[in-house]
Amino acid sequence: MKLIGLLHGLSWNTACLLTASLLLSSCSLKNATSIASLTDQQSRIIKSVNDNRQYASITLPNELEVVLVSDPSIDKSAVALSVGVGSFQEPDAFPGLAHYLEHMLFMGTKSYPEVNGYSEFVSRNGGLQNAYTELDHTNYMVAVNNDAFEQVLSRFSGFFYDANLDPKYADKERHAVHSEWSMKSPNDWVILEQLNGLTLNSAHPIARFNWGNLGSLTNRKNQSLQSALQQFYDTYYSANLMKASMISHLPIEQMEILAQRYFTQIPNKKVVKPKLAAPAAKASDVKKIVHYAPQTDMRQIQIKFVMENNSAQFAVNPNGYVEYLLSNEMPWYLSCRA
């Protein structure tokens, strides 16, 4: 699934997107002689005074950071894992490869090879699953009834170290990716997103087609699609580029045991976080007015800014605050601004 969205005021120069939840780092809980207590770990997480849930942030021995949330009142448990690579990191020869890999991971693992086994297990246990590929990250998530949580963790964690990537399902998933593009490409929001590729620096990966279709996901003269897929997985699916979050009715201590049991198996390949060298916009790419004739009834104006990466200021969300000020239509605010 490819996430549709417009990004306002984010830094294309460094290709850093603000995610819905930014996970906090801490030290590993495995070595009791060099760590803070759970109470100290929980104090690192700022929460509302009205929030009665318990939190902890841990870093596993493989450097995978996990936020744990304990809420005894819930009847479903969930986990989400984000890999810090997306469409920006795929090779030029295979546009949409990151999205295609997202699809292929659901085609079974060595421990659970049944192609539909994961989906069927989630459905049988009152759950739901999803995933999406963005420009700089790929996110996977699942929720199930509480009593099936450990079993789904066993299946889910295998995606990130034990995937089959069986080529016999390649055409099936190539067509699935192509179908998504065919259905959504006429959408105004998707077209507006693609305008970045026509109006910004052509040397930056934002200029590439990144959804994937049958034309882009095919063998090339010098490399097969399957080898490119395996290489992307082997290179970037590393624990030190991942962050996860878990929420359950279980106490924090039991959730920590589950996180250790299932996510420490993901190898840490010590991959250096990918960085983009090319600027998103050169001087000749800015100060432009683009007129777009929509497919549906759409009347709006968009103003886009190219700025340096300020994601370290996520806690105060300066980009969202400026966007709010610019778009606010409350009468009292308009009169004050005037």
C-alpha atoms as a PDB file:
ATOM      1  CA  MET A   1       0.000   0.000   0.000  1.00  0.00           C
ATOM      2  CA  LYS A   2       1.395   3.420  -0.961  1.00  0.00           C
ATOM      3  CA  LEU A   3       0.525   6.218   1.412  1.00  0.00           C
ATOM      4  CA  ILE A   4      -0.955   9.301  -0.274  1.00  0.00           C
ATOM      5  CA  GLY A   5      -0.211  12.586   1.373  1.00  0.00           C
ATOM      6  CA  LEU A   6       0.938  16.152   0.867  1.00  0.00           C
ATOM      7  CA  LEU A   7       3.899  17.258   2.912  1.00  0.00           C
ATOM      8  CA  HIS A   8       3.884  20.831   4.091  1.00  0.00           C
ATOM      9  CA  GLY A   9       7.053  22.670   5.063  1.00  0.00           C
ATOM     10  CA  LEU A  10       9.270  19.617   5.377  1.00  0.00           C
ATOM     11  CA  SER A  11      12.899  19.441   4.405  1.00  0.00           C
ATOM     12  CA  TRP A  12      13.305  17.885   0.994  1.00  0.00           C
ATOM     13  CA  ASN A  13      17.024  18.716   1.168  1.00  0.00           C
ATOM     14  CA  THR A  14      17.570  15.940   3.665  1.00  0.00           C
ATOM     15  CA  ALA A  15      14.458  13.952   2.793  1.00  0.00           C
ATOM     16  CA  CYS A  16      13.398  13.694   6.397  1.00  0.00           C
ATOM     17  CA  LEU A  17       9.700  13.192   7.029  1.00  0.00           C
ATOM     18  CA  LEU A  18       8.024  13.676  10.359  1.00  0.00           C
ATOM     19  CA  THR A  19       6.271  10.441  11.299  1.00  0.00           C
ATOM     20  CA  ALA A  20       3.112  10.077  13.321  1.00  0.00           C
ATOM     21  CA  SER A  21       5.042   8.826  16.333  1.00  0.00           C
ATOM     22  CA  LEU A  22       8.713   9.468  16.961  1.00  0.00           C
ATOM     23  CA  LEU A  23      10.208   6.850  19.239  1.00  0.00           C
ATOM     24  CA  LEU A  24      12.584   7.733  22.029  1.00  0.00           C
ATOM     25  CA  SER A  25      15.966   6.144  22.560  1.00  0.00           C
ATOM     26  CA  SER A  26      17.318   4.602  25.677  1.00  0.00           C
ATOM     27  CA  CYS A  27      19.822   2.012  26.816  1.00  0.00           C
ATOM     28  CA  SER A  28      19.351  -1.731  26.611  1.00  0.00           C
ATOM     29  CA  LEU A  29      17.533  -3.428  29.461  1.00  0.00           C
ATOM     30  CA  LYS A  30      19.507  -6.613  28.997  1.00  0.00           C
ATOM     31  CA  ASN A  31      22.554  -5.479  30.925  1.00  0.00           C
ATOM     32  CA  ALA A  32      21.284  -4.632  34.401  1.00  0.00           C
ATOM     33  CA  THR A  33      24.625  -3.180  35.459  1.00  0.00           C
ATOM     34  CA  SER A  34      24.586  -0.391  32.891  1.00  0.00           C
ATOM     35  CA  ILE A  35      20.986   0.647  32.599  1.00  0.00           C
ATOM     36  CA  ALA A  36      18.490   2.856  34.301  1.00  0.00           C
ATOM     37  CA  SER A  37      15.506   1.368  36.076  1.00  0.00           C
ATOM     38  CA  LEU A  38      12.137   1.024  34.348  1.00  0.00           C
ATOM     39  CA  THR A  39      10.894   3.906  36.461  1.00  0.00           C
ATOM     40  CA  ASP A  40      13.669   6.096  35.109  1.00  0.00           C
ATOM     41  CA  GLN A  41      12.976   4.905  31.583  1.00  0.00           C
ATOM     42  CA  GLN A  42       9.318   5.759  31.903  1.00  0.00           C
ATOM     43  CA  SER A  43      10.181   9.230  33.148  1.00  0.00           C
ATOM     44  CA  ARG A  44      11.895   9.910  29.838  1.00  0.00           C
ATOM     45  CA  ILE A  45       8.540   9.798  28.048  1.00  0.00           C
ATOM     46  CA  ILE A  46       6.436  12.924  28.408  1.00  0.00           C
ATOM     47  CA  LYS A  47       2.731  12.171  28.609  1.00  0.00           C
ATOM     48  CA  SER A  48      -0.510  13.885  29.559  1.00  0.00           C
ATOM     49  CA  VAL A  49      -1.433  14.005  33.228  1.00  0.00           C
ATOM     50  CA  ASN A  50      -4.729  12.409  32.168  1.00  0.00           C
ATOM     51  CA  ASP A  51      -2.962   9.426  30.592  1.00  0.00           C
ATOM     52  CA  ASN A  52      -2.946   6.449  32.979  1.00  0.00           C
ATOM     53  CA  ARG A  53      -1.086   4.106  30.675  1.00  0.00           C
ATOM     54  CA  GLN A  54       2.430   2.947  31.518  1.00  0.00           C
ATOM     55  CA  TYR A  55       5.297   3.561  29.102  1.00  0.00           C
ATOM     56  CA  ALA A  56       8.876   2.462  28.654  1.00  0.00           C
ATOM     57  CA  SER A  57      11.461   3.056  25.957  1.00  0.00           C
ATOM     58  CA  ILE A  58      14.085   0.351  25.475  1.00  0.00           C
ATOM     59  CA  THR A  59      16.920  -0.357  23.076  1.00  0.00           C
ATOM     60  CA  LEU A  60      17.504  -4.024  22.313  1.00  0.00           C
ATOM     61  CA  PRO A  61      21.014  -5.507  21.991  1.00  0.00           C
ATOM     62  CA  ASN A  62      20.741  -5.191  18.196  1.00  0.00           C
ATOM     63  CA  GLU A  63      20.100  -1.416  18.562  1.00  0.00           C
ATOM     64  CA  LEU A  64      16.431  -1.658  17.637  1.00  0.00           C
ATOM     65  CA  GLU A  65      14.537   0.945  19.682  1.00  0.00           C
ATOM     66  CA  VAL A  66      11.107  -0.056  21.011  1.00  0.00           C
ATOM     67  CA  VAL A  67       8.467   1.931  22.848  1.00  0.00           C
ATOM     68  CA  LEU A  68       6.249  -0.184  25.131  1.00  0.00           C
ATOM     69  CA  VAL A  69       2.766   0.920  26.183  1.00  0.00           C
ATOM     70  CA  SER A  70       0.813  -0.984  28.813  1.00  0.00           C
ATOM     71  CA  ASP A  71      -2.945  -0.429  29.010  1.00  0.00           C
ATOM     72  CA  PRO A  72      -4.858  -3.086  31.011  1.00  0.00           C
ATOM     73  CA  SER A  73      -8.197  -1.795  29.708  1.00  0.00           C
ATOM     74  CA  ILE A  74      -7.703  -2.728  26.049  1.00  0.00           C
ATOM     75  CA  ASP A  75      -8.874  -5.987  24.464  1.00  0.00           C
ATOM     76  CA  LYS A  76      -6.530  -5.911  21.467  1.00  0.00           C
ATOM     77  CA  SER A  77      -2.743  -5.721  21.338  1.00  0.00           C
ATOM     78  CA  ALA A  78      -0.786  -4.168  18.515  1.00  0.00           C
ATOM     79  CA  VAL A  79       2.714  -3.694  17.159  1.00  0.00           C
ATOM     80  CA  ALA A  80       4.149  -1.401  14.501  1.00  0.00           C
ATOM     81  CA  LEU A  81       7.646  -1.402  13.048  1.00  0.00           C
ATOM     82  CA  SER A  82       9.144   1.269  10.829  1.00  0.00           C
ATOM     83  CA  VAL A  83      12.167   0.702   8.599  1.00  0.00           C
ATOM     84  CA  GLY A  84      14.100   3.900   7.954  1.00  0.00           C
ATOM     85  CA  VAL A  85      14.276   3.483   4.183  1.00  0.00           C
ATOM     86  CA  GLY A  86      11.706   3.997   1.472  1.00  0.00           C
ATOM     87  CA  SER A  87      11.342   5.099  -2.129  1.00  0.00           C
ATOM     88  CA  PHE A  88      14.269   7.504  -1.884  1.00  0.00           C
ATOM     89  CA  GLN A  89      16.680   4.602  -1.408  1.00  0.00           C
ATOM     90  CA  GLU A  90      15.597   2.372  -4.285  1.00  0.00           C
ATOM     91  CA  PRO A  91      17.874   2.075  -7.343  1.00  0.00           C
ATOM     92  CA  ASP A  92      17.151   4.210 -10.402  1.00  0.00           C
ATOM     93  CA  ALA A  93      16.642   1.107 -12.533  1.00  0.00           C
ATOM     94  CA  PHE A  94      13.729  -0.184 -10.412  1.00  0.00           C
ATOM     95  CA  PRO A  95      11.283   2.604  -9.484  1.00  0.00           C
ATOM     96  CA  GLY A  96       8.804   1.305  -6.907  1.00  0.00           C
ATOM     97  CA  LEU A  97      11.132  -1.416  -5.581  1.00  0.00           C
ATOM     98  CA  ALA A  98      10.613  -0.415  -1.917  1.00  0.00           C
ATOM     99  CA  HIS A  99       6.844  -0.620  -2.384  1.00  0.00           C
ATOM    100  CA  TYR A 100       7.170  -3.967  -4.161  1.00  0.00           C
ATOM    101  CA  LEU A 101       9.318  -5.321  -1.304  1.00  0.00           C
ATOM    102  CA  GLU A 102       6.635  -4.271   1.180  1.00  0.00           C
ATOM    103  CA  HIS A 103       4.178  -6.471  -0.738  1.00  0.00           C
ATOM    104  CA  MET A 104       6.559  -9.418  -1.080  1.00  0.00           C
ATOM    105  CA  LEU A 105       7.233  -9.628   2.657  1.00  0.00           C
ATOM    106  CA  PHE A 106       3.665 -10.845   3.181  1.00  0.00           C
ATOM    107  CA  MET A 107       4.317 -13.832   0.916  1.00  0.00           C
ATOM    108  CA  GLY A 108       5.576 -16.005   3.762  1.00  0.00           C
ATOM    109  CA  THR A 109       8.711 -16.478   5.857  1.00  0.00           C
ATOM    110  CA  LYS A 110      10.944 -19.496   6.364  1.00  0.00           C
ATOM    111  CA  SER A 111       9.292 -20.172   9.725  1.00  0.00           C
ATOM    112  CA  TYR A 112       5.749 -19.577   8.429  1.00  0.00           C
ATOM    113  CA  PRO A 113       5.907 -20.330   4.686  1.00  0.00           C
ATOM    114  CA  GLU A 114       2.152 -20.420   4.017  1.00  0.00           C
ATOM    115  CA  VAL A 115       1.444 -17.501   1.679  1.00  0.00           C
ATOM    116  CA  ASN A 116      -1.936 -16.650   3.174  1.00  0.00           C
ATOM    117  CA  GLY A 117      -1.139 -17.978   6.633  1.00  0.00           C
ATOM    118  CA  TYR A 118      -0.350 -14.618   8.199  1.00  0.00           C
ATOM    119  CA  SER A 119      -3.488 -12.901   6.920  1.00  0.00           C
ATOM    120  CA  GLU A 120      -5.661 -15.828   7.913  1.00  0.00           C
ATOM    121  CA  PHE A 121      -4.170 -15.914  11.411  1.00  0.00           C
ATOM    122  CA  VAL A 122      -4.804 -12.199  11.899  1.00  0.00           C
ATOM    123  CA  SER A 123      -8.396 -12.529  10.673  1.00  0.00           C
ATOM    124  CA  ARG A 124      -9.125 -15.536  12.890  1.00  0.00           C
ATOM    125  CA  ASN A 125      -7.968 -13.579  15.902  1.00  0.00           C
ATOM    126  CA  GLY A 126     -10.092 -10.495  15.414  1.00  0.00           C
ATOM    127  CA  GLY A 127      -7.267  -8.445  13.995  1.00  0.00           C
ATOM    128  CA  LEU A 128      -6.293  -6.166  11.188  1.00  0.00           C
ATOM    129  CA  GLN A 129      -3.028  -5.532   9.398  1.00  0.00           C
ATOM    130  CA  ASN A 130      -1.601  -2.902   7.106  1.00  0.00           C
ATOM    131  CA  ALA A 131       1.604  -1.454   5.705  1.00  0.00           C
ATOM    132  CA  TYR A 132       2.674   1.518   3.648  1.00  0.00           C
ATOM    133  CA  THR A 133       5.746   2.743   1.805  1.00  0.00           C
ATOM    134  CA  GLU A 134       6.740   6.384   2.053  1.00  0.00           C
ATOM    135  CA  LEU A 135       9.624   8.352   0.612  1.00  0.00           C
ATOM    136  CA  ASP A 136      12.003   7.785   3.522  1.00  0.00           C
ATOM    137  CA  HIS A 137      10.467   4.959   5.551  1.00  0.00           C
ATOM    138  CA  THR A 138       8.318   1.847   5.309  1.00  0.00           C
ATOM    139  CA  ASN A 139       5.858   0.993   8.059  1.00  0.00           C
ATOM    140  CA  TYR A 140       4.266  -2.326   9.017  1.00  0.00           C
ATOM    141  CA  MET A 141       1.526  -2.776  11.640  1.00  0.00           C
ATOM    142  CA  VAL A 142      -0.844  -5.384  13.032  1.00  0.00           C
ATOM    143  CA  ALA A 143      -3.401  -5.673  15.864  1.00  0.00           C
ATOM    144  CA  VAL A 144      -5.014  -8.849  17.243  1.00  0.00           C
ATOM    145  CA  ASN A 145      -6.948 -10.065  20.258  1.00  0.00           C
ATOM    146  CA  ASN A 146      -4.829 -10.022  23.394  1.00  0.00           C
ATOM    147  CA  ASP A 147      -4.520 -13.806  23.651  1.00  0.00           C
ATOM    148  CA  ALA A 148      -2.951 -13.993  20.175  1.00  0.00           C
ATOM    149  CA  PHE A 149      -0.372 -11.258  20.687  1.00  0.00           C
ATOM    150  CA  GLU A 150       2.686 -13.422  21.225  1.00  0.00           C
ATOM    151  CA  GLN A 151       1.783 -15.665  18.304  1.00  0.00           C
ATOM    152  CA  VAL A 152       1.410 -12.712  15.953  1.00  0.00           C
ATOM    153  CA  LEU A 153       4.729 -11.271  17.158  1.00  0.00           C
ATOM    154  CA  SER A 154       6.396 -14.547  16.187  1.00  0.00           C
ATOM    155  CA  ARG A 155       4.965 -14.265  12.673  1.00  0.00           C
ATOM    156  CA  PHE A 156       5.353 -10.498  12.293  1.00  0.00           C
ATOM    157  CA  SER A 157       8.982 -10.288  13.428  1.00  0.00           C
ATOM    158  CA  GLY A 158      10.023 -12.832  10.804  1.00  0.00           C
ATOM    159  CA  PHE A 159       9.261 -10.368   8.017  1.00  0.00           C
ATOM    160  CA  PHE A 160      12.407  -8.485   8.956  1.00  0.00           C
ATOM    161  CA  TYR A 161      14.973 -11.289   9.043  1.00  0.00           C
ATOM    162  CA  ASP A 162      13.360 -14.460   7.690  1.00  0.00           C
ATOM    163  CA  ALA A 163      11.437 -13.438   4.552  1.00  0.00           C
ATOM    164  CA  ASN A 164      11.177 -15.933   1.712  1.00  0.00           C
ATOM    165  CA  LEU A 165      10.839 -13.384  -1.122  1.00  0.00           C
ATOM    166  CA  ASP A 166       9.841 -16.346  -3.277  1.00  0.00           C
ATOM    167  CA  PRO A 167      10.090 -15.365  -6.987  1.00  0.00           C
ATOM    168  CA  LYS A 168       7.118 -17.564  -7.874  1.00  0.00           C
ATOM    169  CA  TYR A 169       4.905 -14.858  -6.342  1.00  0.00           C
ATOM    170  CA  ALA A 170       6.646 -12.037  -8.176  1.00  0.00           C
ATOM    171  CA  ASP A 171       4.060 -11.618 -10.931  1.00  0.00           C
ATOM    172  CA  LYS A 172       1.200 -11.720  -8.432  1.00  0.00           C
ATOM    173  CA  GLU A 173       2.656  -8.867  -6.392  1.00  0.00           C
ATOM    174  CA  ARG A 174       3.886  -6.916  -9.417  1.00  0.00           C
ATOM    175  CA  HIS A 175       0.289  -6.870 -10.624  1.00  0.00           C
ATOM    176  CA  ALA A 176      -0.909  -5.876  -7.140  1.00  0.00           C
ATOM    177  CA  VAL A 177       1.439  -2.884  -7.112  1.00  0.00           C
ATOM    178  CA  HIS A 178       0.448  -2.028 -10.690  1.00  0.00           C
ATOM    179  CA  SER A 179      -3.235  -2.230  -9.738  1.00  0.00           C
ATOM    180  CA  GLU A 180      -2.718   0.280  -6.918  1.00  0.00           C
ATOM    181  CA  TRP A 181      -1.054   2.691  -9.311  1.00  0.00           C
ATOM    182  CA  SER A 182      -3.737   2.226 -11.973  1.00  0.00           C
ATOM    183  CA  MET A 183      -6.536   2.930  -9.499  1.00  0.00           C
ATOM    184  CA  LYS A 184      -4.930   5.894  -7.786  1.00  0.00           C
ATOM    185  CA  SER A 185      -2.963   7.607 -10.536  1.00  0.00           C
ATOM    186  CA  PRO A 186      -5.988   9.650 -11.732  1.00  0.00           C
ATOM    187  CA  ASN A 187      -6.466  10.977  -8.184  1.00  0.00           C
ATOM    188  CA  ASP A 188      -5.825  14.722  -7.895  1.00  0.00           C
ATOM    189  CA  TRP A 189      -3.757  14.321  -4.749  1.00  0.00           C
ATOM    190  CA  VAL A 190      -1.521  11.746  -6.421  1.00  0.00           C
ATOM    191  CA  ILE A 191      -1.078  13.956  -9.474  1.00  0.00           C
ATOM    192  CA  LEU A 192      -0.156  16.901  -7.278  1.00  0.00           C
ATOM    193  CA  GLU A 193       2.381  14.703  -5.518  1.00  0.00           C
ATOM    194  CA  GLN A 194       3.875  13.706  -8.855  1.00  0.00           C
ATOM    195  CA  LEU A 195       4.263  17.386  -9.784  1.00  0.00           C
ATOM    196  CA  ASN A 196       7.238  17.465  -7.428  1.00  0.00           C
ATOM    197  CA  GLY A 197       9.036  15.316  -9.955  1.00  0.00           C
ATOM    198  CA  LEU A 198       8.397  17.823 -12.710  1.00  0.00           C
ATOM    199  CA  THR A 199       9.118  21.015 -10.802  1.00  0.00           C
ATOM    200  CA  LEU A 200      12.017  20.185  -8.442  1.00  0.00           C
ATOM    201  CA  ASN A 201      15.630  19.161  -8.986  1.00  0.00           C
ATOM    202  CA  SER A 202      15.743  16.296 -11.480  1.00  0.00           C
ATOM    203  CA  ALA A 203      18.872  14.947  -9.765  1.00  0.00           C
ATOM    204  CA  HIS A 204      16.988  14.411  -6.495  1.00  0.00           C
ATOM    205  CA  PRO A 205      15.018  11.154  -5.985  1.00  0.00           C
ATOM    206  CA  ILE A 206      11.838  13.175  -5.415  1.00  0.00           C
ATOM    207  CA  ALA A 207      11.861  13.585  -9.197  1.00  0.00           C
ATOM    208  CA  ARG A 208      11.532   9.833  -9.787  1.00  0.00           C
ATOM    209  CA  PHE A 209       8.409   7.785 -10.231  1.00  0.00           C
ATOM    210  CA  ASN A 210       8.189   5.825  -6.971  1.00  0.00           C
ATOM    211  CA  TRP A 211       4.886   3.948  -6.921  1.00  0.00           C
ATOM    212  CA  GLY A 212       5.948   1.087  -9.160  1.00  0.00           C
ATOM    213  CA  ASN A 213       4.079  -0.617 -12.005  1.00  0.00           C
ATOM    214  CA  LEU A 214       4.583  -3.439 -14.480  1.00  0.00           C
ATOM    215  CA  GLY A 215       6.871  -1.268 -16.575  1.00  0.00           C
ATOM    216  CA  SER A 216       9.208  -0.257 -13.759  1.00  0.00           C
ATOM    217  CA  LEU A 217       9.240  -3.576 -11.899  1.00  0.00           C
ATOM    218  CA  THR A 218      10.771  -5.793 -14.532  1.00  0.00           C
ATOM    219  CA  ASN A 219      14.132  -7.373 -15.347  1.00  0.00           C
ATOM    220  CA  ARG A 220      16.837  -5.081 -16.698  1.00  0.00           C
ATOM    221  CA  LYS A 221      19.696  -5.868 -18.993  1.00  0.00           C
ATOM    222  CA  ASN A 222      22.270  -5.867 -16.203  1.00  0.00           C
ATOM    223  CA  GLN A 223      20.159  -7.054 -13.247  1.00  0.00           C
ATOM    224  CA  SER A 224      17.037  -9.061 -12.570  1.00  0.00           C
ATOM    225  CA  LEU A 225      14.163  -7.709 -10.499  1.00  0.00           C
ATOM    226  CA  GLN A 226      14.576 -10.599  -8.052  1.00  0.00           C
ATOM    227  CA  SER A 227      18.255  -9.871  -7.396  1.00  0.00           C
ATOM    228  CA  ALA A 228      17.503  -6.165  -6.915  1.00  0.00           C
ATOM    229  CA  LEU A 229      14.734  -7.066  -4.470  1.00  0.00           C
ATOM    230  CA  GLN A 230      16.982  -9.379  -2.456  1.00  0.00           C
ATOM    231  CA  GLN A 231      19.812  -6.846  -2.473  1.00  0.00           C
ATOM    232  CA  PHE A 232      17.557  -4.053  -1.189  1.00  0.00           C
ATOM    233  CA  TYR A 233      16.274  -6.302   1.618  1.00  0.00           C
ATOM    234  CA  ASP A 234      19.721  -7.585   2.557  1.00  0.00           C
ATOM    235  CA  THR A 235      21.203  -4.096   2.543  1.00  0.00           C
ATOM    236  CA  TYR A 236      18.641  -1.977   4.340  1.00  0.00           C
ATOM    237  CA  TYR A 237      16.489  -4.224   6.525  1.00  0.00           C
ATOM    238  CA  SER A 238      18.807  -3.853   9.485  1.00  0.00           C
ATOM    239  CA  ALA A 239      17.829  -3.472  13.135  1.00  0.00           C
ATOM    240  CA  ASN A 240      19.778  -0.234  13.570  1.00  0.00           C
ATOM    241  CA  LEU A 241      17.571   1.399  10.905  1.00  0.00           C
ATOM    242  CA  MET A 242      14.336   0.257  12.580  1.00  0.00           C
ATOM    243  CA  LYS A 243      12.079   1.513  15.350  1.00  0.00           C
ATOM    244  CA  ALA A 244       9.070  -0.261  16.817  1.00  0.00           C
ATOM    245  CA  SER A 245       6.190   0.314  19.208  1.00  0.00           C
ATOM    246  CA  MET A 246       4.030  -2.182  21.081  1.00  0.00           C
ATOM    247  CA  ILE A 247       0.810  -1.688  23.023  1.00  0.00           C
ATOM    248  CA  SER A 248      -0.883  -4.399  25.067  1.00  0.00           C
ATOM    249  CA  HIS A 249      -2.831  -5.181  28.208  1.00  0.00           C
ATOM    250  CA  LEU A 250       0.300  -6.847  29.551  1.00  0.00           C
ATOM    251  CA  PRO A 251       2.554  -5.229  32.159  1.00  0.00           C
ATOM    252  CA  ILE A 252       5.646  -3.429  30.865  1.00  0.00           C
ATOM    253  CA  GLU A 253       7.949  -6.157  32.180  1.00  0.00           C
ATOM    254  CA  GLN A 254       6.184  -8.877  30.172  1.00  0.00           C
ATOM    255  CA  MET A 255       6.128  -6.729  27.048  1.00  0.00           C
ATOM    256  CA  GLU A 256       9.860  -6.201  27.377  1.00  0.00           C
ATOM    257  CA  ILE A 257      10.372  -9.990  27.478  1.00  0.00           C
ATOM    258  CA  LEU A 258       8.335 -10.349  24.266  1.00  0.00           C
ATOM    259  CA  ALA A 259      10.273  -7.575  22.547  1.00  0.00           C
ATOM    260  CA  GLN A 260      13.556  -9.236  23.507  1.00  0.00           C
ATOM    261  CA  ARG A 261      12.339 -12.675  22.437  1.00  0.00           C
ATOM    262  CA  TYR A 262      11.141 -11.761  18.962  1.00  0.00           C
ATOM    263  CA  PHE A 263      12.891  -8.605  17.810  1.00  0.00           C
ATOM    264  CA  THR A 264      16.463  -9.310  18.883  1.00  0.00           C
ATOM    265  CA  GLN A 265      16.518 -11.915  16.095  1.00  0.00           C
ATOM    266  CA  ILE A 266      16.593  -9.112  13.521  1.00  0.00           C
ATOM    267  CA  PRO A 267      20.258  -8.728  12.510  1.00  0.00           C
ATOM    268  CA  ASN A 268      22.088  -5.466  13.032  1.00  0.00           C
ATOM    269  CA  LYS A 269      24.090  -4.970   9.852  1.00  0.00           C
ATOM    270  CA  LYS A 270      25.485  -1.646  11.089  1.00  0.00           C
ATOM    271  CA  VAL A 271      24.053   0.089   8.068  1.00  0.00           C
ATOM    272  CA  VAL A 272      24.850   3.786   7.839  1.00  0.00           C
ATOM    273  CA  LYS A 273      21.669   5.828   7.654  1.00  0.00           C
ATOM    274  CA  PRO A 274      21.254   6.769   3.979  1.00  0.00           C
ATOM    275  CA  LYS A 275      21.702  10.450   3.189  1.00  0.00           C
ATOM    276  CA  LEU A 276      20.832  12.363   0.059  1.00  0.00           C
ATOM    277  CA  ALA A 277      23.533  14.483  -1.527  1.00  0.00           C
ATOM    278  CA  ALA A 278      21.504  16.347  -4.129  1.00  0.00           C
ATOM    279  CA  PRO A 279      19.401  19.310  -2.957  1.00  0.00           C
ATOM    280  CA  ALA A 280      15.686  18.972  -3.537  1.00  0.00           C
ATOM    281  CA  ALA A 281      15.569  22.330  -5.278  1.00  0.00           C
ATOM    282  CA  LYS A 282      18.163  24.445  -7.000  1.00  0.00           C
ATOM    283  CA  ALA A 283      17.843  28.191  -7.330  1.00  0.00           C
ATOM    284  CA  SER A 284      16.203  27.717 -10.716  1.00  0.00           C
ATOM    285  CA  ASP A 285      13.563  25.376  -9.241  1.00  0.00           C
ATOM    286  CA  VAL A 286      12.019  27.800  -6.747  1.00  0.00           C
ATOM    287  CA  LYS A 287       9.889  30.937  -7.039  1.00  0.00           C
ATOM    288  CA  LYS A 288       7.526  29.196  -9.427  1.00  0.00           C
ATOM    289  CA  ILE A 289       3.786  29.363  -9.846  1.00  0.00           C
ATOM    290  CA  VAL A 290       2.231  26.116 -11.070  1.00  0.00           C
ATOM    291  CA  HIS A 291      -1.350  26.082 -12.339  1.00  0.00           C
ATOM    292  CA  TYR A 292      -3.101  22.722 -12.139  1.00  0.00           C
ATOM    293  CA  ALA A 293      -6.435  21.805 -13.750  1.00  0.00           C
ATOM    294  CA  PRO A 294      -7.996  19.259 -11.345  1.00  0.00           C
ATOM    295  CA  GLN A 295      -9.930  16.163 -12.387  1.00  0.00           C
ATOM    296  CA  THR A 296     -12.610  16.854  -9.776  1.00  0.00           C
ATOM    297  CA  ASP A 297     -14.067  19.916  -8.076  1.00  0.00           C
ATOM    298  CA  MET A 298     -11.030  21.218  -6.214  1.00  0.00           C
ATOM    299  CA  ARG A 299     -10.341  24.831  -5.391  1.00  0.00           C
ATOM    300  CA  GLN A 300      -7.275  25.532  -3.356  1.00  0.00           C
ATOM    301  CA  ILE A 301      -3.873  27.125  -3.262  1.00  0.00           C
ATOM    302  CA  GLN A 302      -0.768  25.407  -1.974  1.00  0.00           C
ATOM    303  CA  ILE A 303       2.424  27.109  -0.903  1.00  0.00           C
ATOM    304  CA  LYS A 304       5.450  24.867  -0.516  1.00  0.00           C
ATOM    305  CA  PHE A 305       8.683  25.777   1.236  1.00  0.00           C
ATOM    306  CA  VAL A 306      12.067  24.151   0.860  1.00  0.00           C
ATOM    307  CA  MET A 307      14.029  24.424   4.088  1.00  0.00           C
ATOM    308  CA  GLU A 308      16.796  22.817   6.065  1.00  0.00           C
ATOM    309  CA  ASN A 309      15.988  19.717   8.076  1.00  0.00           C
ATOM    310  CA  ASN A 310      14.439  20.696  11.419  1.00  0.00           C
ATOM    311  CA  SER A 311      13.082  17.289  12.420  1.00  0.00           C
ATOM    312  CA  ALA A 312      15.063  17.458  15.667  1.00  0.00           C
ATOM    313  CA  GLN A 313      12.483  20.025  16.788  1.00  0.00           C
ATOM    314  CA  PHE A 314       9.626  17.547  16.414  1.00  0.00           C
ATOM    315  CA  ALA A 315       8.507  18.017  20.011  1.00  0.00           C
ATOM    316  CA  VAL A 316       7.404  21.599  19.352  1.00  0.00           C
ATOM    317  CA  ASN A 317       6.358  20.961  15.725  1.00  0.00           C
ATOM    318  CA  PRO A 318       7.346  24.329  14.211  1.00  0.00           C
ATOM    319  CA  ASN A 319       6.238  23.319  10.715  1.00  0.00           C
ATOM    320  CA  GLY A 320       2.746  22.416  11.873  1.00  0.00           C
ATOM    321  CA  TYR A 321       2.490  25.601  13.907  1.00  0.00           C
ATOM    322  CA  VAL A 322       3.399  27.815  10.942  1.00  0.00           C
ATOM    323  CA  GLU A 323       0.975  25.890   8.741  1.00  0.00           C
ATOM    324  CA  TYR A 324      -1.755  26.434  11.318  1.00  0.00           C
ATOM    325  CA  LEU A 325      -1.076  30.169  11.453  1.00  0.00           C
ATOM    326  CA  LEU A 326      -1.156  30.492   7.673  1.00  0.00           C
ATOM    327  CA  SER A 327      -4.357  28.495   7.225  1.00  0.00           C
ATOM    328  CA  ASN A 328      -6.306  29.648  10.294  1.00  0.00           C
ATOM    329  CA  GLU A 329      -9.717  31.085   9.352  1.00  0.00           C
ATOM    330  CA  MET A 330     -11.103  31.838  12.800  1.00  0.00           C
ATOM    331  CA  PRO A 331     -12.648  35.356  12.851  1.00  0.00           C
ATOM    332  CA  TRP A 332     -10.794  36.477  15.968  1.00  0.00           C
ATOM    333  CA  TYR A 333      -7.477  35.428  14.491  1.00  0.00           C
ATOM    334  CA  LEU A 334      -8.108  37.149  11.166  1.00  0.00           C
ATOM    335  CA  SER A 335      -8.986  40.403  12.918  1.00  0.00           C
ATOM    336  CA  CYS A 336      -5.849  40.216  15.073  1.00  0.00           C
ATOM    337  CA  ARG A 337      -3.667  39.477  12.065  1.00  0.00           C
ATOM    338  CA  ALA A 338      -5.184  42.387  10.143  1.00  0.00           C
END
